[in-house]
C-alpha atoms as a PDB file:
ATOM      1  CA  MET A   1     120.571 113.358 154.677  1.00  0.00           C
ATOM      2  CA  THR A   2     121.002 110.583 152.080  1.00  0.00           C
ATOM      3  CA  LYS A   3     124.160 108.516 152.323  1.00  0.00           C
ATOM      4  CA  PRO A   4     126.229 108.097 149.190  1.00  0.00           C
ATOM      5  CA  ILE A   5     125.443 104.903 147.343  1.00  0.00           C
ATOM      6  CA  SER A   6     127.606 102.048 148.570  1.00  0.00           C
ATOM      7  CA  PRO A   7     129.154 100.126 145.728  1.00  0.00           C
ATOM      8  CA  VAL A   8     127.907  96.607 145.199  1.00  0.00           C
ATOM      9  CA  PRO A   9     130.882  94.333 145.958  1.00  0.00           C
ATOM     10  CA  PRO A  10     132.476  92.635 142.933  1.00  0.00           C
ATOM     11  CA  GLY A  11     130.947  89.355 141.829  1.00  0.00           C
ATOM     12  CA  PHE A  12     127.394  90.035 143.001  1.00  0.00           C
ATOM     13  CA  GLY A  13     124.596  89.674 140.465  1.00  0.00           C
ATOM     14  CA  PRO A  14     120.852  89.040 140.489  1.00  0.00           C
ATOM     15  CA  ILE A  15     119.933  86.425 143.080  1.00  0.00           C
ATOM     16  CA  LEU A  16     120.211  82.915 141.652  1.00  0.00           C
ATOM     17  CA  ARG A  17     116.733  81.746 142.655  1.00  0.00           C
ATOM     18  CA  SER A  18     114.003  84.352 142.858  1.00  0.00           C
ATOM     19  CA  SER A  19     110.321  84.356 143.782  1.00  0.00           C
ATOM     20  CA  PRO A  20     107.342  86.669 143.223  1.00  0.00           C
ATOM     21  CA  VAL A  21     108.029  88.590 146.447  1.00  0.00           C
ATOM     22  CA  LEU A  22     111.738  89.009 145.683  1.00  0.00           C
ATOM     23  CA  ASP A  23     110.896  90.107 142.133  1.00  0.00           C
ATOM     24  CA  ALA A  24     108.433  92.697 143.495  1.00  0.00           C
ATOM     25  CA  LEU A  25     110.928  94.106 146.004  1.00  0.00           C
ATOM     26  CA  GLY A  26     113.910  93.900 143.639  1.00  0.00           C
ATOM     27  CA  GLY A  27     117.580  94.355 144.426  1.00  0.00           C
ATOM     28  CA  PHE A  28     118.360  90.986 146.043  1.00  0.00           C
ATOM     29  CA  MET A  29     121.776  89.779 144.889  1.00  0.00           C
ATOM     30  CA  SER A  30     124.073  86.809 145.449  1.00  0.00           C
ATOM     31  CA  ARG A  31     127.536  85.497 144.650  1.00  0.00           C
ATOM     32  CA  GLY A  32     129.635  82.412 145.271  1.00  0.00           C
ATOM     33  CA  GLU A  33     128.657  78.856 146.067  1.00  0.00           C
ATOM     34  CA  GLY A  34     128.843  76.374 148.911  1.00  0.00           C
ATOM     35  CA  GLU A  35     130.449  77.796 152.054  1.00  0.00           C
ATOM     36  CA  LYS A  36     131.224  81.015 150.166  1.00  0.00           C
ATOM     37  CA  PHE A  37     127.634  81.693 148.995  1.00  0.00           C
ATOM     38  CA  GLU A  38     126.533  85.214 150.019  1.00  0.00           C
ATOM     39  CA  VAL A  39     123.332  87.242 149.728  1.00  0.00           C
ATOM     40  CA  GLY A  40     123.014  91.021 149.844  1.00  0.00           C
ATOM     41  CA  LEU A  41     120.742  93.930 148.996  1.00  0.00           C
ATOM     42  CA  LEU A  42     121.359  97.440 147.738  1.00  0.00           C
ATOM     43  CA  VAL A  43     118.662  99.455 149.529  1.00  0.00           C
ATOM     44  CA  GLY A  44     116.449 101.147 146.950  1.00  0.00           C
ATOM     45  CA  PRO A  45     113.248 103.194 147.007  1.00  0.00           C
ATOM     46  CA  THR A  46     110.997 100.097 147.100  1.00  0.00           C
ATOM     47  CA  HIS A  47     112.672  99.009 150.364  1.00  0.00           C
ATOM     48  CA  LEU A  48     111.819 102.139 152.381  1.00  0.00           C
ATOM     49  CA  ASN A  49     109.131 102.898 154.949  1.00  0.00           C
ATOM     50  CA  ALA A  50     107.143 106.149 155.090  1.00  0.00           C
ATOM     51  CA  ARG A  51     110.037 107.839 156.948  1.00  0.00           C
ATOM     52  CA  GLY A  52     112.510 107.041 154.168  1.00  0.00           C
ATOM     53  CA  ARG A  53     114.385 104.352 156.111  1.00  0.00           C
ATOM     54  CA  LEU A  54     114.768 100.620 155.446  1.00  0.00           C
ATOM     55  CA  HIS A  55     111.456  98.892 156.240  1.00  0.00           C
ATOM     56  CA  GLY A  56     111.717  96.248 158.974  1.00  0.00           C
ATOM     57  CA  GLY A  57     109.762  93.799 156.812  1.00  0.00           C
ATOM     58  CA  VAL A  58     112.369  94.080 154.065  1.00  0.00           C
ATOM     59  CA  SER A  59     115.101  93.421 156.638  1.00  0.00           C
ATOM     60  CA  ALA A  60     113.187  90.347 157.812  1.00  0.00           C
ATOM     61  CA  THR A  61     112.729  89.132 154.238  1.00  0.00           C
ATOM     62  CA  LEU A  62     116.438  89.576 153.487  1.00  0.00           C
ATOM     63  CA  LEU A  63     117.446  87.717 156.660  1.00  0.00           C
ATOM     64  CA  ASP A  64     115.006  84.864 155.992  1.00  0.00           C
ATOM     65  CA  VAL A  65     115.897  84.435 152.315  1.00  0.00           C
ATOM     66  CA  ALA A  66     119.647  84.847 152.793  1.00  0.00           C
ATOM     67  CA  THR A  67     119.821  82.418 155.691  1.00  0.00           C
ATOM     68  CA  GLY A  68     117.741  79.772 153.923  1.00  0.00           C
ATOM     69  CA  TYR A  69     119.672  80.095 150.669  1.00  0.00           C
ATOM     70  CA  MET A  70     123.061  80.061 152.424  1.00  0.00           C
ATOM     71  CA  LEU A  71     122.118  76.930 154.408  1.00  0.00           C
ATOM     72  CA  SER A  72     120.912  75.245 151.225  1.00  0.00           C
ATOM     73  CA  ALA A  73     124.154  76.119 149.406  1.00  0.00           C
ATOM     74  CA  ARG A  74     126.221  74.691 152.277  1.00  0.00           C
ATOM     75  CA  THR A  75     124.285  71.424 152.408  1.00  0.00           C
ATOM     76  CA  GLY A  76     124.091  70.463 148.737  1.00  0.00           C
ATOM     77  CA  GLY A  77     120.670  71.963 148.065  1.00  0.00           C
ATOM     78  CA  ARG A  78     118.847  70.614 151.116  1.00  0.00           C
ATOM     79  CA  ARG A  79     115.569  72.552 151.275  1.00  0.00           C
ATOM     80  CA  ARG A  80     114.094  73.940 154.484  1.00  0.00           C
ATOM     81  CA  LEU A  81     111.031  75.881 155.570  1.00  0.00           C
ATOM     82  CA  THR A  82     111.111  78.738 158.063  1.00  0.00           C
ATOM     83  CA  ALA A  83     109.341  77.737 161.276  1.00  0.00           C
ATOM     84  CA  ARG A  84     110.293  80.698 163.513  1.00  0.00           C
ATOM     85  CA  MET A  85     112.385  83.825 163.185  1.00  0.00           C
ATOM     86  CA  THR A  86     113.464  86.223 165.932  1.00  0.00           C
ATOM     87  CA  ILE A  87     115.000  89.561 165.005  1.00  0.00           C
ATOM     88  CA  ASP A  88     116.581  92.179 167.246  1.00  0.00           C
ATOM     89  CA  TYR A  89     116.862  95.438 165.306  1.00  0.00           C
ATOM     90  CA  ARG A  90     119.944  97.446 166.314  1.00  0.00           C
ATOM     91  CA  SER A  91     120.050 100.323 163.798  1.00  0.00           C
ATOM     92  CA  GLY A  92     118.444 101.479 160.580  1.00  0.00           C
ATOM     93  CA  ALA A  93     119.623 101.819 157.016  1.00  0.00           C
ATOM     94  CA  GLU A  94     119.013 104.322 154.241  1.00  0.00           C
ATOM     95  CA  GLN A  95     118.592 104.202 150.507  1.00  0.00           C
ATOM     96  CA  GLY A  96     121.877 103.483 148.773  1.00  0.00           C
ATOM     97  CA  GLU A  97     123.392 101.324 151.522  1.00  0.00           C
ATOM     98  CA  TRP A  98     124.716  97.855 150.680  1.00  0.00           C
ATOM     99  CA  LEU A  99     123.499  95.243 153.183  1.00  0.00           C
ATOM    100  CA  HIS A 100     124.835  91.731 153.619  1.00  0.00           C
ATOM    101  CA  VAL A 101     123.973  88.804 155.852  1.00  0.00           C
ATOM    102  CA  LEU A 102     126.528  86.926 157.930  1.00  0.00           C
ATOM    103  CA  LEU A 103     125.682  83.405 159.043  1.00  0.00           C
ATOM    104  CA  ASP A 104     127.505  83.020 162.365  1.00  0.00           C
ATOM    105  CA  ARG A 105     126.622  79.478 163.407  1.00  0.00           C
ATOM    106  CA  THR A 106     124.096  76.693 163.020  1.00  0.00           C
ATOM    107  CA  GLU A 107     122.826  73.896 165.236  1.00  0.00           C
ATOM    108  CA  GLU A 108     121.232  70.812 163.692  1.00  0.00           C
ATOM    109  CA  ASN A 109     118.924  68.430 165.525  1.00  0.00           C
ATOM    110  CA  GLY A 110     117.264  65.850 163.291  1.00  0.00           C
ATOM    111  CA  ARG A 111     115.127  67.652 160.724  1.00  0.00           C
ATOM    112  CA  LYS A 112     115.486  71.008 162.517  1.00  0.00           C
ATOM    113  CA  THR A 113     118.224  73.587 161.962  1.00  0.00           C
ATOM    114  CA  LEU A 114     118.684  76.659 164.139  1.00  0.00           C
ATOM    115  CA  ALA A 115     120.708  79.427 162.484  1.00  0.00           C
ATOM    116  CA  PHE A 116     122.169  82.564 164.044  1.00  0.00           C
ATOM    117  CA  GLY A 117     123.383  85.563 162.092  1.00  0.00           C
ATOM    118  CA  ARG A 118     123.577  89.289 161.506  1.00  0.00           C
ATOM    119  CA  LEU A 119     122.466  91.865 158.973  1.00  0.00           C
ATOM    120  CA  MET A 120     125.269  94.341 158.352  1.00  0.00           C
ATOM    121  CA  SER A 121     125.920  97.586 156.492  1.00  0.00           C
ATOM    122  CA  GLY A 122     129.698  97.587 156.211  1.00  0.00           C
ATOM    123  CA  GLU A 123     130.870  97.139 159.811  1.00  0.00           C
ATOM    124  CA  ARG A 124     127.602  98.503 161.292  1.00  0.00           C
ATOM    125  CA  LEU A 125     125.156  96.037 162.826  1.00  0.00           C
ATOM    126  CA  ILE A 126     121.600  96.480 161.517  1.00  0.00           C
ATOM    127  CA  ALA A 127     119.973  93.420 163.118  1.00  0.00           C
ATOM    128  CA  GLU A 128     120.702  90.120 164.831  1.00  0.00           C
ATOM    129  CA  MET A 129     118.588  87.055 164.183  1.00  0.00           C
ATOM    130  CA  SER A 130     117.906  83.461 164.943  1.00  0.00           C
ATOM    131  CA  VAL A 131     115.882  81.320 162.550  1.00  0.00           C
ATOM    132  CA  LEU A 132     114.485  77.856 163.125  1.00  0.00           C
ATOM    133  CA  PHE A 133     114.160  75.859 159.914  1.00  0.00           C
ATOM    134  CA  VAL A 134     112.597  72.447 159.389  1.00  0.00           C
ATOM    135  CA  ASP A 135     113.377  70.179 156.456  1.00  0.00           C
ATOM    136  CA  ALA A 136     110.907  70.635 153.624  1.00  0.00           C
ATOM    137  CA  PRO A 137     108.621  67.650 152.994  1.00  0.00           C
ATOM    138  CA  ALA A 138     109.629  65.638 149.924  1.00  0.00           C
ATOM    139  CA  ALA A 139     106.553  66.875 148.041  1.00  0.00           C
ATOM    140  CA  ASP A 140     107.673  70.501 148.591  1.00  0.00           C
ATOM    141  CA  THR A 141     111.252  70.265 147.313  1.00  0.00           C
ATOM    142  CA  ASN A 142     110.528  71.020 143.651  1.00  0.00           C
ATOM    143  CA  ALA A 143     111.343  74.721 143.058  1.00  0.00           C
ATOM    144  CA  HIS A 144     108.960  77.024 141.202  1.00  0.00           C
ATOM    145  CA  ARG A 145     106.019  74.714 140.672  1.00  0.00           C
ATOM    146  CA  SER A 146     103.036  76.163 138.914  1.00  0.00           C
ATOM    147  CA  ALA A 147     100.605  77.891 141.250  1.00  0.00           C
ATOM    148  CA  GLY A 148      97.907  77.017 138.712  1.00  0.00           C
ATOM    149  CA  GLU A 149      98.317  73.375 139.662  1.00  0.00           C
ATOM    150  CA  GLY A 150      97.387  74.080 143.283  1.00  0.00           C
ATOM    151  CA  GLN A 151     101.031  74.100 144.367  1.00  0.00           C
ATOM    152  CA  VAL A 152     102.919  76.808 146.204  1.00  0.00           C
ATOM    153  CA  ARG A 153     105.635  78.691 144.330  1.00  0.00           C
ATOM    154  CA  ASP A 154     108.920  79.352 146.216  1.00  0.00           C
END
């Protein structure tokens, strides 16, 4: 049974900073700035596994991107790289569901930041996560550099 499409909350639009993988998956959205910056996803057909449910890799991508972007927005654009991510999946999601990430708390220790949060569909918990980020080296802080110049694109 397919759930009715959840409305995208007001104010959400295409994610502010995209990448080739986000462009390929599609549907990543954001709104707000600073402490109020949020990231979400309306689950579409490109986000499903062979059983027609949200693919765990898409959940992981959403959690990673949302957490990194929200931390950056809260710290004046400070860039970080994901060093480790742990996810505990609690339930699935179907096409048409609106998902959003909640950043519950962070712990900073020098150039490392540990973030804890949840992936939600309304009030239903989809996954819990912890992500360890490290500050990006100065040479890696320039967004969307040309891959043709031997540089990695965000």
